[in-house]
Amino acid sequence: MYTLRIKILLFVGLLTNLFYSCDDMDSIHREYLNGEIIYSGKLDTLNVRPGYKRAQIEGYTKFLGNSNKVIVQFDDRSEEFVITGNEGEIMSMIIENLEESSYEFDVQSQDKNGNFSVLQKVAGSAVGDIFVSDQDPRKLIDFTNTNDGTFANFLGNSDSQYVIFTILNYEQENGKTYNDTLFFEQNKIKLIDFKPLGLLKTKSSIQSGLNGVDTIPLYEVNYTLPSLPYSELSKDIIQIVQMPSDITGEYQSANPNKYLFDGDSKWYDDNEKTFLSEPGQIPHHFTIDLGVKTTLRKVKIDMPDHILFNKNNITSLQIWGREDLNNAQTNSSDENDFINAGWKLLHQENIDGENLSSDSFIIQPSNRKVRYIRYRVISTVENISSQLTELTFYGQDNEPITHDKSLHSIFPMQSDNPGNFYGAQPNQYLFDGNSLWSGSDQYGYHSGENAVPGHFTIDLGILTKLRRVMMSFRDPNNYSGNNPTEIEIWGRSNLNDAEILPKFLSSGNNVISQPTSSQSLENAGWKLIKTENINGASVQSHEMNIETNELLRFYKIRYKKTAAGSGCQFIEFSFSGNGALNN
């Protein structure tokens, strides 16, 4: 019995321990025995885009399920965002008011039952003033002129890696302001009708870091625009040249020779101050001497007021060009005749003459310079007549004209040294095209002895703005004593009251008296064009480059000094200038 009792007590104790043990294990897992945990859907493929003092978190909504908001936590802040958009789209969340720094964001979604998604961590940053101050705008390198126009060239975007575009602002020739945009993939941009030497303003905008969400403007940078590769041709050297098959444009008392290049483009309801063709002559043409050899780049035409009188305004025209007029005559205004006569088509332009009183157009540069222009009218508003109030031409790389020597002559003035000593014949040989001394004093100009200083007068036969004088002397290897060492060139447009006293006197080959003063030339209305020193003792020719804006016809050559100081000789003269106008 005792043994049985002990066994029962032991069994009861064992059961008690077992119960106590089970209770302890249950207490450990009790909090996890309330049912399964439910997670809400989450954003997929999280990404942070840097912004200016802010950041944008993005994620795909494909796996959001029933989630209706997203909670973003970082540092000590928490932001909530209501889920919008359709499933599978990108949801963006902006975190505002951030310091310029790096961040780690905790992102969770939540549904309406309060269930959270699995916690996601994503790193990102926000930029600020320090970042902006370290960025450079796109830099302008230079300007280039091409067949397609003038371009502004910029450093590549790798030198300003965050710049996404640059705004250009500049004034045009017409006074208007032009805006254009240089995008990050571009390195150059064409300038449209810009004002030469005007102001170009550039303002670049950057992205707020790699794949940044914000566009931030940088500081403005100013540049000076280039001068145009071409310039307006001086109108006082342009003239109409009458050729066979040309029309005169003088219908109803029109006077184009006087008014078409006078600088006044206004229409006064007065046919006299226009070019006006006779009715029924379309198509037609006329010829213009530009007065220089040039690469023609731009033409501007002005016509009557399109509101008041547009019936004769031009709707289609052509510009043809040639360097000279040798065999340039045509029998008609037919294009094939032009081509056969060696004219080159430079440009064709269609104009809204019905609604415009003025038009200008760019001509692509040619490797052929022209002096003469054929202006060919193809059609007008009513196709009866054509009318112009002004023509303006622009050229590039202008060259002066070498003037026709057959027009030149020695003009005898009583104070001049005639240069006919020792049998010299200057009128016959000084402009004959032969610049080499032949060994005889006959071929050229010879002043005689005791003749320095002295002078003589040359009539070019035309009005010109003198640009270059080429003169030839004796061969230095065969006596250079008469070669000039100091030259003055004086000019006048006419010879009214141009005589100088006293009268030139000589005996045999010796000069007795002649005017020696520059002041006497000035007193007689002569204008000093150029003074030049020449190494006459060693050279056989010399070129003088001259700049004058005056149209002159008569030029006085004054030799102040020669190598030996007694006489002076010239073998040949050649003159070049802008314009060749009949006086």
Protein backbone atom coordinates (compact mmCIF):
# COMPACT_ATOMS: atom_id res chain seq x y z
CA MET A 1 0.00 0.00 0.00
CA TYR A 2 2.80 2.37 0.87
CA THR A 3 4.54 1.64 -2.33
CA LEU A 4 1.34 2.24 -4.32
CA ARG A 5 0.82 5.58 -2.57
CA ILE A 6 4.31 6.75 -3.42
CA LYS A 7 3.78 5.80 -7.04
CA ILE A 8 0.50 7.78 -7.18
CA LEU A 9 2.15 10.87 -5.69
CA LEU A 10 5.01 10.67 -8.13
CA PHE A 11 2.54 10.41 -11.04
CA VAL A 12 0.54 13.43 -9.84
CA GLY A 13 3.74 15.49 -9.51
CA LEU A 14 4.78 14.53 -12.94
CA LEU A 15 1.47 15.66 -14.38
CA THR A 16 1.68 18.93 -12.47
CA ASN A 17 5.14 19.66 -13.87
CA LEU A 18 3.92 18.85 -17.34
CA PHE A 19 1.03 21.29 -17.05
CA TYR A 20 3.29 24.03 -15.74
CA SER A 21 5.75 23.43 -18.60
CA CYS A 22 3.03 23.63 -21.24
CA ASP A 23 1.78 26.90 -19.77
CA ASP A 24 5.23 28.42 -19.98
CA MET A 25 5.66 27.52 -23.69
CA ASP A 26 2.26 28.92 -24.51
CA SER A 27 3.18 32.22 -22.88
CA ILE A 28 6.21 32.46 -25.22
CA HIS A 29 4.21 32.05 -28.48
CA ARG A 30 0.91 33.58 -27.37
CA GLU A 31 1.43 36.84 -29.29
CA TYR A 32 1.99 34.90 -32.48
CA LEU A 33 -1.06 32.75 -32.14
CA ASN A 34 -3.67 35.40 -33.01
CA GLY A 35 -3.90 34.39 -36.73
CA GLU A 36 -1.77 35.03 -39.91
CA ILE A 37 -0.27 38.54 -40.65
CA ILE A 38 -1.75 40.39 -43.69
CA TYR A 39 0.58 42.62 -45.75
CA SER A 40 -0.67 45.30 -48.14
CA GLY A 41 0.73 45.68 -51.67
CA LYS A 42 3.89 47.71 -52.26
CA LEU A 43 5.43 50.03 -54.82
CA ASP A 44 7.83 48.29 -57.14
CA THR A 45 11.26 49.41 -58.45
CA LEU A 46 11.68 52.44 -56.21
CA ASN A 47 13.85 55.28 -57.51
CA VAL A 48 14.78 58.73 -56.15
CA ARG A 49 15.29 61.68 -58.49
CA PRO A 50 17.18 64.65 -57.04
CA GLY A 51 15.53 68.05 -57.10
CA TYR A 52 16.37 71.57 -55.99
CA LYS A 53 15.88 71.43 -52.20
CA ARG A 54 13.56 68.52 -52.72
CA ALA A 55 13.46 64.94 -53.99
CA GLN A 56 11.03 62.87 -56.01
CA ILE A 57 10.43 59.21 -55.16
CA GLU A 58 9.03 57.08 -57.96
CA GLY A 59 7.67 53.55 -58.08
CA TYR A 60 5.47 51.33 -60.22
CA THR A 61 1.94 50.72 -58.95
CA LYS A 62 1.65 47.24 -60.48
CA PHE A 63 1.76 45.42 -57.14
CA LEU A 64 -0.04 47.89 -54.88
CA GLY A 65 -3.25 45.83 -54.65
CA ASN A 66 -5.70 47.46 -52.22
CA SER A 67 -3.18 49.96 -50.81
CA ASN A 68 -4.52 53.49 -50.80
CA LYS A 69 -1.60 55.49 -49.44
CA VAL A 70 2.16 55.48 -49.16
CA ILE A 71 4.09 56.54 -46.08
CA VAL A 72 7.62 57.86 -46.43
CA GLN A 73 9.76 58.26 -43.32
CA PHE A 74 13.26 59.69 -43.00
CA ASP A 75 15.18 61.34 -40.20
CA ASP A 76 12.43 62.62 -37.94
CA ARG A 77 9.87 63.29 -40.65
CA SER A 78 6.95 61.34 -42.05
CA GLU A 79 5.07 62.12 -45.28
CA GLU A 80 1.85 60.51 -46.54
CA PHE A 81 0.74 60.33 -50.17
CA VAL A 82 -2.63 59.24 -51.50
CA ILE A 83 -2.26 56.68 -54.27
CA THR A 84 -3.55 57.94 -57.61
CA GLY A 85 -3.42 56.74 -61.17
CA ASN A 86 -4.00 53.40 -62.78
CA GLU A 87 -2.36 50.11 -61.93
CA GLY A 88 0.98 49.67 -63.65
CA GLU A 89 1.72 53.38 -63.89
CA ILE A 90 4.52 55.29 -62.18
CA MET A 91 3.58 57.07 -59.00
CA SER A 92 5.64 60.13 -58.08
CA MET A 93 5.98 61.62 -54.62
CA ILE A 94 7.70 64.95 -53.96
CA ILE A 95 9.44 65.50 -50.64
CA GLU A 96 9.72 69.26 -50.21
CA ASN A 97 11.90 71.49 -48.02
CA LEU A 98 15.01 69.35 -47.95
CA GLU A 99 18.48 70.41 -47.06
CA GLU A 100 21.18 69.85 -49.67
CA SER A 101 22.21 66.35 -48.57
CA SER A 102 21.88 62.58 -49.05
CA TYR A 103 18.95 60.70 -47.53
CA GLU A 104 17.68 57.19 -46.82
CA PHE A 105 13.93 56.93 -47.15
CA ASP A 106 11.74 54.21 -45.51
CA VAL A 107 8.79 53.52 -47.78
CA GLN A 108 5.66 51.56 -46.87
CA SER A 109 2.22 51.25 -48.41
CA GLN A 110 -0.97 50.93 -46.33
CA ASP A 111 -4.47 49.76 -47.16
CA LYS A 112 -7.77 50.98 -45.72
CA ASN A 113 -7.69 48.25 -43.05
CA GLY A 114 -4.42 49.53 -41.69
CA ASN A 115 -2.28 46.75 -43.14
CA PHE A 116 1.26 47.76 -44.09
CA SER A 117 3.49 46.55 -46.86
CA VAL A 118 6.93 45.16 -46.29
CA LEU A 119 9.28 48.02 -45.40
CA GLN A 120 11.49 49.23 -48.30
CA LYS A 121 14.55 51.44 -48.04
CA VAL A 122 15.78 53.64 -50.90
CA ALA A 123 18.63 56.15 -50.96
CA GLY A 124 18.60 59.54 -52.71
CA SER A 125 19.61 63.17 -52.43
CA ALA A 126 18.54 66.78 -52.84
CA VAL A 127 20.68 69.52 -54.42
CA GLY A 128 20.95 73.14 -53.39
CA ASP A 129 22.89 76.33 -53.88
CA ILE A 130 26.28 74.67 -53.49
CA PHE A 131 25.50 72.33 -56.39
CA VAL A 132 24.17 75.19 -58.54
CA SER A 133 27.22 77.38 -57.89
CA ASP A 134 29.49 74.62 -59.17
CA GLN A 135 27.73 74.44 -62.55
CA ASP A 136 28.88 76.31 -65.66
CA PRO A 137 26.63 77.54 -68.47
CA ARG A 138 27.30 76.52 -72.06
CA LYS A 139 30.24 78.56 -73.30
CA LEU A 140 30.34 80.31 -76.68
CA ILE A 141 33.53 79.45 -78.57
CA ASP A 142 33.26 81.62 -81.68
CA PHE A 143 31.19 82.58 -84.70
CA THR A 144 31.64 81.08 -88.16
CA ASN A 145 30.34 82.09 -91.56
CA THR A 146 29.32 79.32 -93.93
CA ASN A 147 27.36 78.98 -97.12
CA ASP A 148 24.29 78.43 -94.93
CA GLY A 149 24.75 81.55 -92.82
CA THR A 150 26.43 82.71 -89.61
CA PHE A 151 26.58 80.26 -86.69
CA ALA A 152 27.32 80.62 -82.97
CA ASN A 153 29.47 77.68 -81.86
CA PHE A 154 29.40 76.36 -78.27
CA LEU A 155 31.47 73.96 -76.22
CA GLY A 156 30.03 70.48 -76.08
CA ASN A 157 27.56 69.56 -73.35
CA SER A 158 30.18 67.34 -71.68
CA ASP A 159 31.82 70.54 -70.47
CA SER A 160 28.56 71.54 -68.78
CA GLN A 161 27.12 68.11 -68.18
CA TYR A 162 23.92 69.12 -66.46
CA VAL A 163 22.93 71.87 -68.93
CA ILE A 164 19.83 70.77 -70.82
CA PHE A 165 19.18 73.91 -72.92
CA THR A 166 20.39 77.46 -73.46
CA ILE A 167 18.15 80.39 -74.41
CA LEU A 168 19.65 82.88 -76.88
CA ASN A 169 18.29 86.42 -77.13
CA TYR A 170 19.58 88.97 -79.63
CA GLU A 171 18.55 92.01 -81.64
CA GLN A 172 17.93 91.71 -85.36
CA GLU A 173 18.69 94.23 -88.09
CA ASN A 174 15.02 95.22 -88.22
CA GLY A 175 15.11 96.21 -84.53
CA LYS A 176 13.10 93.21 -83.36
CA THR A 177 14.30 90.81 -80.67
CA TYR A 178 14.84 87.19 -81.63
CA ASN A 179 14.76 84.24 -79.23
CA ASP A 180 16.11 80.79 -79.97
CA THR A 181 17.00 77.66 -78.02
CA LEU A 182 20.19 75.60 -78.11
CA PHE A 183 19.44 72.10 -76.80
CA PHE A 184 21.93 69.86 -75.02
CA GLU A 185 22.62 67.71 -78.09
CA GLN A 186 23.45 70.77 -80.25
CA ASN A 187 26.82 72.47 -80.46
CA LYS A 188 25.91 75.30 -82.83
CA ILE A 189 22.94 77.45 -83.74
CA LYS A 190 22.23 79.67 -86.74
CA LEU A 191 21.86 83.40 -86.18
CA ILE A 192 18.89 84.87 -88.06
CA ASP A 193 19.22 88.40 -89.49
CA PHE A 194 21.22 89.50 -86.44
CA LYS A 195 22.36 93.06 -85.81
CA PRO A 196 26.11 93.24 -86.44
CA LEU A 197 28.11 93.91 -83.26
CA GLY A 198 24.89 93.84 -81.26
CA LEU A 199 24.30 92.14 -77.91
CA LEU A 200 23.79 88.39 -77.62
CA LYS A 201 22.38 87.21 -74.28
CA THR A 202 22.61 83.55 -73.30
CA LYS A 203 21.01 81.86 -70.30
CA SER A 204 21.56 78.16 -69.65
CA SER A 205 19.33 75.94 -67.52
CA ILE A 206 20.58 72.81 -65.78
CA GLN A 207 19.01 69.62 -64.52
CA SER A 208 19.11 69.11 -60.77
CA GLY A 209 21.63 66.32 -60.93
CA LEU A 210 21.68 63.10 -62.91
CA ASN A 211 18.09 62.31 -63.89
CA GLY A 212 17.11 65.34 -61.83
CA VAL A 213 13.51 66.37 -61.53
CA ASP A 214 13.99 70.16 -61.61
CA THR A 215 15.23 72.66 -64.20
CA ILE A 216 17.32 75.43 -62.67
CA PRO A 217 18.31 78.61 -64.59
CA LEU A 218 21.92 79.76 -64.28
CA TYR A 219 23.30 83.29 -64.54
CA GLU A 220 23.11 85.23 -67.82
CA VAL A 221 26.19 85.53 -70.03
CA ASN A 222 26.51 88.30 -72.63
CA TYR A 223 28.52 88.31 -75.86
CA THR A 224 29.07 90.73 -78.73
CA LEU A 225 27.64 89.55 -82.02
CA PRO A 226 30.05 89.40 -84.96
CA SER A 227 30.11 91.78 -87.84
CA LEU A 228 28.36 90.46 -90.90
CA PRO A 229 30.49 88.65 -93.45
CA TYR A 230 28.95 91.04 -95.93
CA SER A 231 28.15 94.73 -95.98
CA GLU A 232 25.96 97.11 -97.91
CA LEU A 233 27.53 98.24 -101.16
CA SER A 234 27.91 101.97 -101.46
CA LYS A 235 25.02 103.29 -103.51
CA ASP A 236 26.90 106.27 -104.88
CA ILE A 237 29.00 103.95 -107.07
CA ILE A 238 26.07 101.88 -108.41
CA GLN A 239 24.55 102.76 -111.76
CA ILE A 240 22.27 101.32 -114.42
CA VAL A 241 24.02 100.17 -117.59
CA GLN A 242 21.93 100.20 -120.73
CA MET A 243 22.43 97.11 -122.88
CA PRO A 244 20.58 95.65 -125.89
CA SER A 245 17.29 94.00 -124.82
CA ASP A 246 17.32 95.91 -121.49
CA ILE A 247 14.28 97.98 -120.60
CA THR A 248 14.85 101.54 -119.36
CA GLY A 249 12.24 101.59 -116.59
CA GLU A 250 11.46 105.19 -117.49
CA TYR A 251 7.74 104.83 -118.24
CA GLN A 252 5.60 107.82 -117.23
CA SER A 253 8.64 110.01 -116.43
CA ALA A 254 10.18 107.49 -114.05
CA ASN A 255 13.85 108.27 -113.37
CA PRO A 256 15.55 105.15 -111.98
CA ASN A 257 19.08 106.41 -112.70
CA LYS A 258 18.52 109.21 -110.23
CA TYR A 259 16.28 107.61 -107.62
CA LEU A 260 16.71 103.82 -107.58
CA PHE A 261 19.91 104.03 -105.51
CA ASP A 262 19.38 107.30 -103.64
CA GLY A 263 18.79 105.70 -100.23
CA ASP A 264 15.11 106.68 -100.06
CA SER A 265 12.83 103.64 -100.28
CA LYS A 266 9.59 105.48 -99.50
CA TRP A 267 6.87 105.57 -102.12
CA TYR A 268 5.50 109.06 -102.69
CA ASP A 269 2.77 108.16 -105.18
CA ASP A 270 5.12 109.71 -107.70
CA ASN A 271 6.31 107.66 -110.65
CA GLU A 272 9.35 109.90 -111.19
CA LYS A 273 11.07 108.55 -108.09
CA THR A 274 10.72 104.93 -109.20
CA PHE A 275 11.67 102.35 -111.77
CA LEU A 276 8.55 101.71 -113.87
CA SER A 277 8.38 99.41 -116.89
CA GLU A 278 6.09 99.93 -119.84
CA PRO A 279 2.95 97.75 -119.87
CA GLY A 280 3.21 94.39 -121.56
CA GLN A 281 6.99 93.88 -121.12
CA ILE A 282 6.93 91.02 -118.63
CA PRO A 283 9.25 89.19 -118.30
CA HIS A 284 11.93 91.87 -118.57
CA HIS A 285 15.35 92.80 -117.22
CA PHE A 286 17.86 95.58 -116.78
CA THR A 287 21.59 95.66 -116.00
CA ILE A 288 23.34 97.21 -113.01
CA ASP A 289 27.01 98.04 -112.46
CA LEU A 290 27.76 97.51 -108.75
CA GLY A 291 31.01 99.46 -109.03
CA VAL A 292 33.03 96.69 -107.33
CA LYS A 293 33.75 93.03 -107.81
CA THR A 294 31.96 91.22 -105.03
CA THR A 295 30.49 87.99 -103.79
CA LEU A 296 26.85 89.06 -103.77
CA ARG A 297 25.20 87.93 -100.51
CA LYS A 298 21.97 89.83 -100.05
CA VAL A 299 19.49 91.91 -102.01
CA LYS A 300 16.74 94.13 -100.66
CA ILE A 301 13.96 95.47 -102.86
CA ASP A 302 11.44 98.18 -102.06
CA MET A 303 8.20 98.67 -103.95
CA PRO A 304 5.11 100.91 -103.80
CA ASP A 305 2.86 100.74 -100.76
CA HIS A 306 1.12 97.36 -100.96
CA ILE A 307 -2.01 98.73 -99.31
CA LEU A 308 -2.46 101.69 -101.62
CA PHE A 309 -0.95 100.49 -104.89
CA ASN A 310 0.30 96.95 -105.27
CA LYS A 311 -0.59 95.99 -108.83
CA ASN A 312 2.97 96.50 -110.09
CA ASN A 313 4.64 94.85 -107.12
CA ILE A 314 6.91 91.94 -107.98
CA THR A 315 5.94 88.35 -107.20
CA SER A 316 8.84 86.50 -108.82
CA LEU A 317 12.33 87.61 -109.86
CA GLN A 318 15.84 86.40 -110.68
CA ILE A 319 19.29 87.82 -110.00
CA TRP A 320 21.99 87.07 -112.56
CA GLY A 321 25.65 88.09 -112.43
CA ARG A 322 28.84 88.56 -114.46
CA GLU A 323 32.32 89.89 -113.77
CA ASP A 324 32.53 91.85 -117.03
CA LEU A 325 30.43 92.69 -120.06
CA ASN A 326 32.58 91.10 -122.75
CA ASN A 327 30.13 89.32 -125.09
CA ALA A 328 27.40 89.73 -122.47
CA GLN A 329 24.73 91.12 -124.81
CA THR A 330 21.45 89.28 -125.20
CA ASN A 331 18.65 89.71 -127.69
CA SER A 332 15.82 88.91 -125.31
CA SER A 333 14.93 88.27 -121.70
CA ASP A 334 14.91 84.53 -122.22
CA GLU A 335 16.89 82.51 -119.68
CA ASN A 336 18.65 80.50 -122.36
CA ASP A 337 19.93 83.73 -123.91
CA PHE A 338 21.35 84.71 -120.53
CA ILE A 339 23.09 81.36 -120.14
CA ASN A 340 24.51 81.44 -123.66
CA ALA A 341 25.90 84.93 -123.01
CA GLY A 342 27.74 83.76 -119.91
CA TRP A 343 25.40 85.15 -117.24
CA LYS A 344 25.17 83.08 -114.07
CA LEU A 345 21.92 82.67 -112.14
CA LEU A 346 22.67 83.74 -108.56
CA HIS A 347 19.19 83.59 -107.03
CA GLN A 348 15.48 83.22 -107.71
CA GLU A 349 12.94 84.59 -105.27
CA ASN A 350 9.16 84.44 -104.95
CA ILE A 351 7.64 87.45 -103.18
CA ASP A 352 4.21 88.11 -101.75
CA GLY A 353 4.07 91.42 -103.57
CA GLU A 354 0.34 91.70 -103.03
CA ASN A 355 0.86 92.02 -99.27
CA LEU A 356 4.45 93.29 -99.02
CA SER A 357 6.11 96.57 -99.91
CA SER A 358 9.62 95.32 -99.18
CA ASP A 359 11.53 92.07 -99.21
CA SER A 360 15.11 90.95 -98.70
CA PHE A 361 16.75 87.64 -99.42
CA ILE A 362 20.07 85.98 -98.77
CA ILE A 363 22.12 84.77 -101.72
CA GLN A 364 24.34 81.78 -101.14
CA PRO A 365 27.97 82.67 -101.78
CA SER A 366 29.50 81.70 -105.07
CA ASN A 367 33.11 81.11 -106.01
CA ARG A 368 32.56 83.59 -108.82
CA LYS A 369 32.68 87.30 -108.05
CA VAL A 370 30.46 89.62 -110.02
CA ARG A 371 30.43 93.28 -110.90
CA TYR A 372 27.36 93.41 -113.16
CA ILE A 373 23.86 92.33 -112.14
CA ARG A 374 20.95 91.37 -114.35
CA TYR A 375 17.72 92.05 -112.49
CA ARG A 376 15.04 89.93 -114.20
CA VAL A 377 11.35 90.27 -113.37
CA ILE A 378 9.35 87.10 -114.04
CA SER A 379 5.94 88.17 -112.74
CA THR A 380 4.09 90.90 -110.86
CA VAL A 381 0.73 91.08 -109.09
CA GLU A 382 -1.17 91.95 -112.28
CA ASN A 383 1.56 90.97 -114.77
CA ILE A 384 1.35 94.29 -116.60
CA SER A 385 4.28 96.40 -115.32
CA SER A 386 6.86 96.27 -112.57
CA GLN A 387 7.75 99.10 -110.22
CA LEU A 388 10.56 99.65 -107.72
CA THR A 389 11.37 102.49 -105.34
CA GLU A 390 14.81 101.31 -104.18
CA LEU A 391 17.38 98.56 -104.64
CA THR A 392 20.03 97.68 -102.04
CA PHE A 393 22.87 95.22 -102.52
CA TYR A 394 25.16 93.56 -100.00
CA GLY A 395 28.50 92.01 -100.85
CA GLN A 396 31.38 90.08 -99.33
CA ASP A 397 35.13 90.20 -100.03
CA ASN A 398 34.78 93.26 -102.25
CA GLU A 399 37.55 93.99 -104.72
CA PRO A 400 38.20 97.30 -106.45
CA ILE A 401 37.89 97.52 -110.22
CA THR A 402 40.99 97.84 -112.33
CA HIS A 403 39.94 100.72 -114.53
CA ASP A 404 40.05 100.70 -118.28
CA LYS A 405 43.35 102.29 -119.32
CA SER A 406 41.93 103.37 -122.65
CA LEU A 407 39.97 106.01 -120.71
CA HIS A 408 43.08 107.47 -119.08
CA SER A 409 45.11 110.38 -120.40
CA ILE A 410 47.56 113.07 -119.35
CA PHE A 411 45.55 116.25 -118.84
CA PRO A 412 47.71 119.28 -119.69
CA MET A 413 47.66 122.04 -117.11
CA GLN A 414 49.85 125.13 -117.39
CA SER A 415 51.59 124.42 -114.08
CA ASP A 416 52.25 120.74 -114.81
CA ASN A 417 55.45 119.19 -116.00
CA PRO A 418 54.33 117.56 -119.30
CA GLY A 419 56.86 114.73 -118.90
CA ASN A 420 57.83 114.79 -122.61
CA PHE A 421 61.55 115.40 -122.23
CA TYR A 422 64.20 113.26 -123.94
CA GLY A 423 61.58 112.24 -126.46
CA ALA A 424 59.18 110.73 -123.88
CA GLN A 425 55.57 110.21 -125.00
CA PRO A 426 53.53 109.73 -121.79
CA ASN A 427 50.09 109.91 -123.39
CA GLN A 428 50.92 107.13 -125.76
CA TYR A 429 52.85 104.82 -123.48
CA LEU A 430 52.04 105.57 -119.85
CA PHE A 431 48.80 103.54 -120.03
CA ASP A 432 49.63 101.02 -122.77
CA GLY A 433 49.83 98.00 -120.47
CA ASN A 434 53.59 97.53 -120.81
CA SER A 435 55.23 98.06 -117.42
CA LEU A 436 58.77 97.00 -118.38
CA TRP A 437 61.36 99.61 -119.33
CA SER A 438 62.46 98.92 -122.88
CA GLY A 439 65.72 100.85 -122.73
CA SER A 440 64.40 104.00 -124.37
CA ASP A 441 63.19 107.22 -122.70
CA GLN A 442 60.42 107.34 -125.29
CA TYR A 443 58.31 104.77 -123.50
CA GLY A 444 56.82 106.60 -120.54
CA TYR A 445 57.09 109.87 -118.63
CA HIS A 446 60.34 111.84 -118.26
CA SER A 447 60.42 115.08 -116.27
CA GLY A 448 63.68 116.44 -117.63
CA GLU A 449 66.47 117.75 -115.42
CA ASN A 450 66.23 119.95 -112.31
CA ALA A 451 62.60 118.96 -112.18
CA VAL A 452 62.18 117.65 -108.62
CA PRO A 453 59.79 118.32 -106.99
CA GLY A 454 57.24 118.35 -109.80
CA HIS A 455 53.80 117.11 -110.77
CA PHE A 456 51.45 116.20 -113.60
CA THR A 457 47.71 115.49 -113.92
CA ILE A 458 45.98 112.27 -115.00
CA ASP A 459 42.36 112.17 -116.15
CA LEU A 460 40.93 108.70 -115.43
CA GLY A 461 37.90 109.44 -117.60
CA ILE A 462 35.54 108.23 -114.87
CA LEU A 463 34.65 109.03 -111.28
CA THR A 464 35.99 106.53 -108.77
CA LYS A 465 36.84 106.05 -105.13
CA LEU A 466 40.51 105.31 -105.59
CA ARG A 467 41.75 102.16 -103.86
CA ARG A 468 45.02 101.20 -105.52
CA VAL A 469 47.69 102.77 -107.73
CA MET A 470 50.32 100.61 -109.38
CA MET A 471 53.30 102.46 -110.86
CA SER A 472 56.35 101.17 -112.73
CA PHE A 473 59.80 102.79 -113.05
CA ARG A 474 63.10 102.23 -114.80
CA ASP A 475 65.01 99.02 -114.25
CA PRO A 476 67.17 99.63 -111.13
CA ASN A 477 69.96 97.66 -112.82
CA ASN A 478 70.01 100.24 -115.62
CA TYR A 479 70.09 103.56 -113.80
CA SER A 480 67.61 104.10 -110.94
CA GLY A 481 68.44 107.73 -110.30
CA ASN A 482 65.16 108.96 -111.79
CA ASN A 483 63.03 106.52 -109.82
CA PRO A 484 60.83 108.27 -107.21
CA THR A 485 61.46 107.85 -103.48
CA GLU A 486 58.58 110.00 -102.18
CA ILE A 487 55.20 110.41 -103.89
CA GLU A 488 52.06 112.43 -103.18
CA ILE A 489 48.70 111.79 -104.87
CA TRP A 490 46.13 114.57 -104.96
CA GLY A 491 42.59 114.38 -106.32
CA ARG A 492 39.62 116.41 -107.60
CA SER A 493 36.23 115.55 -109.05
CA ASN A 494 36.46 118.39 -111.61
CA LEU A 495 38.94 121.03 -112.71
CA ASN A 496 36.96 124.16 -111.95
CA ASP A 497 39.48 126.71 -110.59
CA ALA A 498 42.04 123.94 -110.28
CA GLU A 499 44.92 125.71 -112.00
CA ILE A 500 48.13 126.40 -110.09
CA LEU A 501 50.54 129.23 -110.70
CA PRO A 502 53.18 129.97 -111.78
CA LYS A 503 53.27 128.53 -115.25
CA PHE A 504 55.70 125.68 -115.88
CA LEU A 505 58.82 126.83 -117.76
CA SER A 506 61.63 124.82 -119.34
CA SER A 507 64.51 125.13 -121.74
CA GLY A 508 65.66 122.13 -123.72
CA ASN A 509 65.64 119.20 -121.29
CA ASN A 510 66.01 121.46 -118.25
CA VAL A 511 63.23 122.83 -116.04
CA ILE A 512 63.49 126.55 -115.30
CA SER A 513 60.56 126.98 -112.91
CA GLN A 514 57.52 125.14 -111.61
CA PRO A 515 55.31 125.18 -108.47
CA THR A 516 56.94 123.21 -105.67
CA SER A 517 54.56 123.77 -102.77
CA SER A 518 51.92 121.37 -101.49
CA GLN A 519 50.18 124.41 -100.12
CA SER A 520 49.68 125.74 -103.64
CA LEU A 521 47.83 122.53 -104.56
CA GLU A 522 45.65 122.77 -101.48
CA ASN A 523 44.86 126.41 -102.19
CA ALA A 524 43.64 125.40 -105.64
CA GLY A 525 41.16 122.91 -104.16
CA TRP A 526 43.19 119.73 -104.62
CA LYS A 527 42.79 117.12 -101.88
CA LEU A 528 45.76 115.14 -100.63
CA ILE A 529 44.88 111.46 -101.00
CA LYS A 530 48.10 109.68 -100.04
CA THR A 531 51.79 110.26 -99.30
CA GLU A 532 54.15 107.32 -99.69
CA ASN A 533 57.87 106.62 -99.40
CA ILE A 534 59.29 104.29 -102.03
CA ASN A 535 62.57 102.42 -102.26
CA GLY A 536 62.98 103.66 -105.80
CA ALA A 537 66.69 102.93 -105.94
CA SER A 538 66.03 99.20 -105.65
CA VAL A 539 62.58 98.43 -107.04
CA GLN A 540 61.06 98.65 -110.51
CA SER A 541 57.43 98.94 -109.38
CA HIS A 542 55.39 99.98 -106.37
CA GLU A 543 51.77 99.55 -105.31
CA MET A 544 50.03 102.24 -103.24
CA ASN A 545 46.92 101.22 -101.31
CA ILE A 546 44.49 104.07 -100.83
CA GLU A 547 41.28 104.56 -98.87
CA THR A 548 39.03 107.42 -99.84
CA ASN A 549 35.25 107.78 -99.80
CA GLU A 550 35.22 110.59 -102.36
CA LEU A 551 34.35 110.04 -105.98
CA LEU A 552 37.16 111.75 -107.91
CA ARG A 553 38.20 111.81 -111.55
CA PHE A 554 41.42 113.84 -111.77
CA TYR A 555 44.56 112.82 -109.93
CA LYS A 556 47.75 114.84 -109.65
CA ILE A 557 50.94 112.85 -109.23
CA ARG A 558 53.53 114.85 -107.30
CA TYR A 559 57.04 113.45 -107.06
CA LYS A 560 58.74 115.11 -104.12
CA LYS A 561 61.99 113.19 -104.16
CA THR A 562 63.87 110.81 -106.48
CA ALA A 563 66.89 108.59 -106.01
CA ALA A 564 69.28 111.08 -107.67
CA GLY A 565 67.22 114.19 -107.02
CA SER A 566 67.29 115.69 -110.52
CA GLY A 567 64.70 114.09 -112.80
CA CYS A 568 61.81 111.61 -112.51
CA GLN A 569 60.62 108.82 -114.77
CA PHE A 570 57.52 106.61 -114.88
CA ILE A 571 56.96 103.72 -117.27
CA GLU A 572 53.37 102.69 -116.51
CA PHE A 573 50.35 103.54 -114.32
CA SER A 574 47.40 101.37 -113.36
CA PHE A 575 44.45 102.56 -111.24
CA SER A 576 41.85 100.55 -109.31
CA GLY A 577 38.87 101.87 -107.41
CA ASN A 578 35.27 101.48 -106.37
CA GLY A 579 32.90 102.82 -108.96
CA ALA A 580 33.42 103.79 -112.55
CA LEU A 581 30.88 106.54 -113.06
CA ASN A 582 30.70 108.76 -116.08
CA ASN A 583 31.09 112.37 -115.14
